[in-house]
Protein backbone atom coordinates (compact mmCIF):
# COMPACT_ATOMS: atom_id res chain seq x y z
CA UNK A 1 -3.62 2.41 -27.93
CA UNK A 2 -1.21 5.34 -27.71
CA UNK A 3 2.53 5.25 -27.48
CA UNK A 4 4.26 4.74 -24.15
CA UNK A 5 5.27 7.98 -22.45
CA UNK A 6 8.86 9.14 -22.75
CA UNK A 7 11.30 9.57 -19.88
CA UNK A 8 10.12 13.09 -19.10
CA UNK A 9 6.66 11.75 -18.19
CA UNK A 10 7.49 8.75 -15.98
CA UNK A 11 10.28 10.21 -13.86
CA UNK A 12 13.25 8.57 -15.59
CA UNK A 13 16.74 10.04 -15.70
CA UNK A 14 17.56 12.81 -18.15
CA UNK A 15 20.75 14.63 -19.00
CA UNK A 16 24.33 13.35 -19.44
CA UNK A 17 25.05 9.67 -19.09
CA UNK A 18 27.23 8.48 -16.22
CA UNK A 19 30.09 5.95 -16.60
CA UNK A 20 28.05 3.42 -14.60
CA UNK A 21 25.12 3.71 -17.04
CA UNK A 22 27.47 3.31 -20.02
CA UNK A 23 28.92 0.15 -18.49
CA UNK A 24 25.48 -1.38 -17.87
CA UNK A 25 24.36 -0.63 -21.44
CA UNK A 26 27.54 -2.04 -23.04
CA UNK A 27 27.46 -5.26 -20.99
CA UNK A 28 23.79 -5.91 -21.78
CA UNK A 29 24.22 -5.38 -25.54
CA UNK A 30 27.35 -7.56 -25.60
CA UNK A 31 25.38 -10.32 -23.90
CA UNK A 32 22.02 -9.99 -25.70
CA UNK A 33 22.74 -7.99 -28.85
CA UNK A 34 21.15 -4.84 -30.25
CA UNK A 35 17.45 -4.24 -30.71
CA UNK A 36 14.30 -4.28 -28.57
CA UNK A 37 15.14 -0.80 -27.35
CA UNK A 38 11.82 -0.23 -25.62
CA UNK A 39 12.21 -3.17 -23.24
CA UNK A 40 16.02 -2.95 -23.02
CA UNK A 41 16.32 -0.27 -20.26
CA UNK A 42 14.25 -2.24 -17.77
CA UNK A 43 16.11 -5.48 -18.44
CA UNK A 44 19.51 -3.75 -18.25
CA UNK A 45 18.63 -2.00 -14.98
CA UNK A 46 18.70 1.51 -16.47
CA UNK A 47 16.37 4.35 -15.59
CA UNK A 48 16.42 5.62 -19.18
CA UNK A 49 14.01 5.53 -22.08
CA UNK A 50 14.63 3.25 -25.09
CA UNK A 51 15.37 6.14 -27.45
CA UNK A 52 18.07 7.49 -25.16
CA UNK A 53 19.71 4.04 -24.94
CA UNK A 54 19.66 3.58 -28.71
CA UNK A 55 21.21 7.00 -29.44
CA UNK A 56 23.86 6.51 -26.76
CA UNK A 57 24.89 3.18 -28.23
CA UNK A 58 24.79 4.15 -31.90
CA UNK A 59 26.58 7.50 -31.57
CA UNK A 60 29.07 6.92 -28.73
CA UNK A 61 29.43 3.37 -27.35
CA UNK A 62 29.65 1.15 -30.44
CA UNK A 63 33.08 -0.48 -30.66
CA UNK A 64 33.29 0.07 -34.45
CA UNK A 65 32.79 3.85 -34.31
CA UNK A 66 35.48 5.65 -36.31
CA UNK A 67 36.97 8.54 -34.39
CA UNK A 68 38.66 11.56 -35.89
CA UNK A 69 38.03 14.01 -38.71
CA UNK A 70 36.23 13.07 -41.91
CA UNK A 71 38.68 12.46 -44.75
CA UNK A 72 38.45 13.99 -48.28
CA UNK A 73 37.44 10.61 -49.69
CA UNK A 74 34.59 10.42 -47.21
CA UNK A 75 33.52 13.96 -48.14
CA UNK A 76 33.27 13.04 -51.83
CA UNK A 77 31.30 9.93 -50.96
CA UNK A 78 28.89 11.90 -48.76
CA UNK A 79 28.27 14.43 -51.57
CA UNK A 80 27.60 11.68 -54.16
CA UNK A 81 25.33 9.76 -51.79
CA UNK A 82 23.44 12.94 -50.89
CA UNK A 83 22.76 13.65 -54.57
CA UNK A 84 21.17 10.18 -54.80
CA UNK A 85 19.50 9.72 -51.39
CA UNK A 86 18.89 13.26 -50.18
CA UNK A 87 18.71 13.82 -46.42
CA UNK A 88 18.48 10.11 -45.53
CA UNK A 89 21.38 10.24 -43.12
CA UNK A 90 21.01 6.72 -41.74
CA UNK A 91 21.30 5.23 -45.26
CA UNK A 92 24.32 7.41 -46.02
CA UNK A 93 25.96 6.38 -42.74
CA UNK A 94 25.46 2.72 -43.69
CA UNK A 95 27.80 3.27 -46.67
CA UNK A 96 30.45 4.86 -44.48
CA UNK A 97 31.84 2.29 -42.02
CA UNK A 98 32.33 3.64 -38.53
CA UNK A 99 30.47 6.93 -39.10
CA UNK A 100 27.16 7.77 -37.42
CA UNK A 101 24.17 9.42 -39.09
CA UNK A 102 24.24 12.27 -36.56
CA UNK A 103 27.90 12.99 -37.30
CA UNK A 104 27.35 13.01 -41.06
CA UNK A 105 24.29 15.28 -40.82
CA UNK A 106 26.15 17.83 -38.70
CA UNK A 107 29.15 17.79 -41.04
CA UNK A 108 26.94 18.32 -44.07
CA UNK A 109 25.10 21.31 -42.59
CA UNK A 110 28.23 23.03 -41.27
CA UNK A 111 30.77 22.36 -44.05
CA UNK A 112 29.72 20.56 -47.23
CA UNK A 113 26.55 22.48 -48.09
CA UNK A 114 28.37 25.80 -47.76
CA UNK A 115 31.24 24.54 -49.91
CA UNK A 116 28.86 23.54 -52.73
CA UNK A 117 27.13 26.89 -52.55
CA UNK A 118 30.44 28.75 -52.84
CA UNK A 119 31.24 26.64 -55.95
CA UNK A 120 27.95 27.70 -57.61
CA UNK A 121 26.10 24.44 -56.97
CA UNK A 122 22.70 24.10 -55.37
CA UNK A 123 23.23 21.89 -52.27
CA UNK A 124 19.62 20.68 -52.44
CA UNK A 125 19.49 19.60 -56.12
CA UNK A 126 23.25 19.42 -56.89
CA UNK A 127 22.73 21.47 -60.06
CA UNK A 128 24.63 24.53 -61.21
CA UNK A 129 23.13 27.82 -60.09
CA UNK A 130 22.34 30.66 -62.51
CA UNK A 131 24.44 33.72 -61.68
CA UNK A 132 21.43 35.94 -60.87
CA UNK A 133 19.46 33.53 -58.68
CA UNK A 134 21.16 32.78 -55.37
CA UNK A 135 19.80 29.86 -53.36
CA UNK A 136 19.25 29.94 -49.64
CA UNK A 137 20.60 26.86 -47.89
CA UNK A 138 18.05 25.20 -45.67
CA UNK A 139 19.64 24.60 -42.32
CA UNK A 140 17.50 22.82 -39.71
CA UNK A 141 16.61 25.07 -36.85
CA UNK A 142 17.62 24.11 -33.37
CA UNK A 143 14.86 23.60 -30.92
CA UNK A 144 14.60 26.47 -28.56
CA UNK A 145 14.29 25.69 -24.92
CA UNK A 146 11.18 27.00 -23.34
CA UNK A 147 12.07 29.80 -21.02
CA UNK A 148 10.30 29.98 -17.71
CA UNK A 149 10.34 33.72 -17.85
CA UNK A 150 6.95 35.13 -18.48
CA UNK A 151 6.67 38.04 -20.89
CA UNK A 152 6.43 41.34 -19.16
CA UNK A 153 2.93 42.64 -19.29
CA UNK A 154 2.58 45.93 -20.98
CA UNK A 155 2.23 48.60 -18.40
CA UNK A 156 -1.06 50.38 -18.40
CA UNK A 157 -0.82 54.05 -19.30
CA UNK A 158 -0.94 56.10 -16.17
CA UNK A 159 -4.01 58.20 -15.94
CA UNK A 160 -3.50 61.91 -15.69
CA UNK A 161 -4.20 63.19 -12.26
CA UNK A 162 -7.30 65.34 -12.13
CA UNK A 163 -6.79 68.82 -10.70
CA UNK A 164 -8.15 69.22 -7.21
CA UNK A 165 -10.99 71.69 -6.80
CA UNK A 166 -11.22 73.45 -3.47
CA UNK A 167 -14.78 74.49 -2.64
CA UNK A 168 -15.28 77.65 -0.60
CA UNK A 169 -16.43 77.24 2.95
CA UNK A 170 -20.17 77.97 3.44
CA UNK A 171 -21.01 81.30 5.11
CA UNK A 172 -24.31 81.86 6.85
CA UNK A 173 -26.10 85.18 6.40
CA UNK A 174 -28.87 86.55 8.59
CA UNK A 175 -31.92 88.02 6.87
CA UNK A 176 -32.85 90.63 9.43
CA UNK A 177 -29.94 92.73 10.55
CA UNK A 178 -26.29 93.39 9.79
CA UNK A 179 -23.76 94.39 12.39
CA UNK A 180 -21.41 97.25 11.52
CA UNK A 181 -18.88 99.07 13.56
CA UNK A 182 -19.08 102.76 14.18
CA UNK A 183 -16.84 104.90 16.25
CA UNK A 184 -18.70 106.76 18.98
CA UNK A 185 -18.08 110.41 19.48
CA UNK A 186 -17.56 109.93 23.19
CA UNK A 187 -14.30 108.38 24.30
CA UNK A 188 -13.33 107.26 20.76
CA UNK A 189 -14.39 103.68 21.52
CA UNK A 190 -15.85 101.48 18.80
CA UNK A 191 -19.45 100.40 19.20
CA UNK A 192 -21.77 98.15 17.25
CA UNK A 193 -24.83 99.47 15.39
CA UNK A 194 -27.53 97.15 14.05
CA UNK A 195 -28.66 98.12 10.57
CA UNK A 196 -31.63 96.30 8.97
CA UNK A 197 -31.05 94.60 5.67
CA UNK A 198 -34.03 96.39 4.12
CA UNK A 199 -32.00 99.57 3.90
CA UNK A 200 -29.61 97.89 1.50
CA UNK A 201 -32.40 96.85 -0.89
CA UNK A 202 -33.37 99.14 -3.71
CA UNK A 203 -35.57 101.99 -2.41
CA UNK A 204 -37.68 102.16 -5.58
CA UNK A 205 -38.84 98.58 -5.20
CA UNK A 206 -39.82 99.22 -1.56
CA UNK A 207 -41.81 102.27 -2.50
CA UNK A 208 -43.77 100.54 -5.25
CA UNK A 209 -44.60 97.68 -2.90
CA UNK A 210 -45.75 100.07 -0.17
CA UNK A 211 -47.94 102.03 -2.64
CA UNK A 212 -49.63 98.89 -3.89
CA UNK A 213 -50.35 97.73 -0.35
CA UNK A 214 -51.88 101.07 0.55
CA UNK A 215 -54.17 100.99 -2.50
CA UNK A 216 -55.38 97.50 -1.63
CA UNK A 217 -56.06 98.57 1.93
CA UNK A 218 -58.09 101.61 0.81
CA UNK A 219 -60.20 99.47 -1.53
CA UNK A 220 -60.87 97.10 1.32
CA UNK A 221 -62.06 99.95 3.55
CA UNK A 222 -64.41 101.20 0.85
CA UNK A 223 -65.97 97.78 0.55
CA UNK A 224 -66.56 97.68 4.27
CA UNK A 225 -68.27 101.07 4.17
CA UNK A 226 -70.61 100.05 1.34
CA UNK A 227 -71.63 96.94 3.23
CA UNK A 228 -72.47 98.96 6.35
CA UNK A 229 -74.60 101.42 4.31
CA UNK A 230 -76.51 98.57 2.71
CA UNK A 231 -77.26 97.04 6.11
CA UNK A 232 -78.61 100.38 7.39
CA UNK A 233 -80.91 100.76 4.36
CA UNK A 234 -82.30 97.29 4.80
CA UNK A 235 -83.06 97.87 8.48
CA UNK A 236 -84.80 101.20 7.64
CA UNK A 237 -86.98 99.53 5.01
CA UNK A 238 -88.03 96.83 7.40
CA UNK A 239 -89.04 99.42 10.00
CA UNK A 240 -91.35 101.09 7.49
CA UNK A 241 -93.12 97.87 6.72
CA UNK A 242 -93.97 97.16 10.33
């Protein structure tokens, strides 16, 4: 079986705690004690998840929480405990009465680790650094909130506009005649004269075509004459035989 969903999945309250919620949590823990954080919110009448109730109590509402700045003695103790335990902040906080693990972790990352580095000590191993090999302090990254903004889509390159081509309007030509204007000698008025298109064609081509047609026609006439002569001879021969 999987783990129970957190407050973001079952519609429970999120965000800052109200004074009324703090009062309900304090009264329930004073009456029943700490622990059983998963079932505690329902029994205490809180619309919060168990993790939120535990962090609220441990870091803010406990009566034995020590307020104020961390003292130099506490700083030395945190450095010595960190060299032994590492980043186990809850164990370190157990050796410092009234301090929370979250407070100690934040103070280490913002102040103590940088101080050790400036003194030539590696904050991770607590050993002296060689002068030529600087060490980068590992600082936990904060979780970035997911932005609802969608990334802008890259704009498509605009296509170059094609040049417009204007086609000429169709003109109809007649094959037989062309109309031209000619000024008449009488009255100076313009009149229209029809001129055949054949006059504008090359004269040499017309002449060769006409000559070839005439030759073909003459050959055809000769063939007709030979046929008529042959018919006359045949009829004459038949008359002799009778």
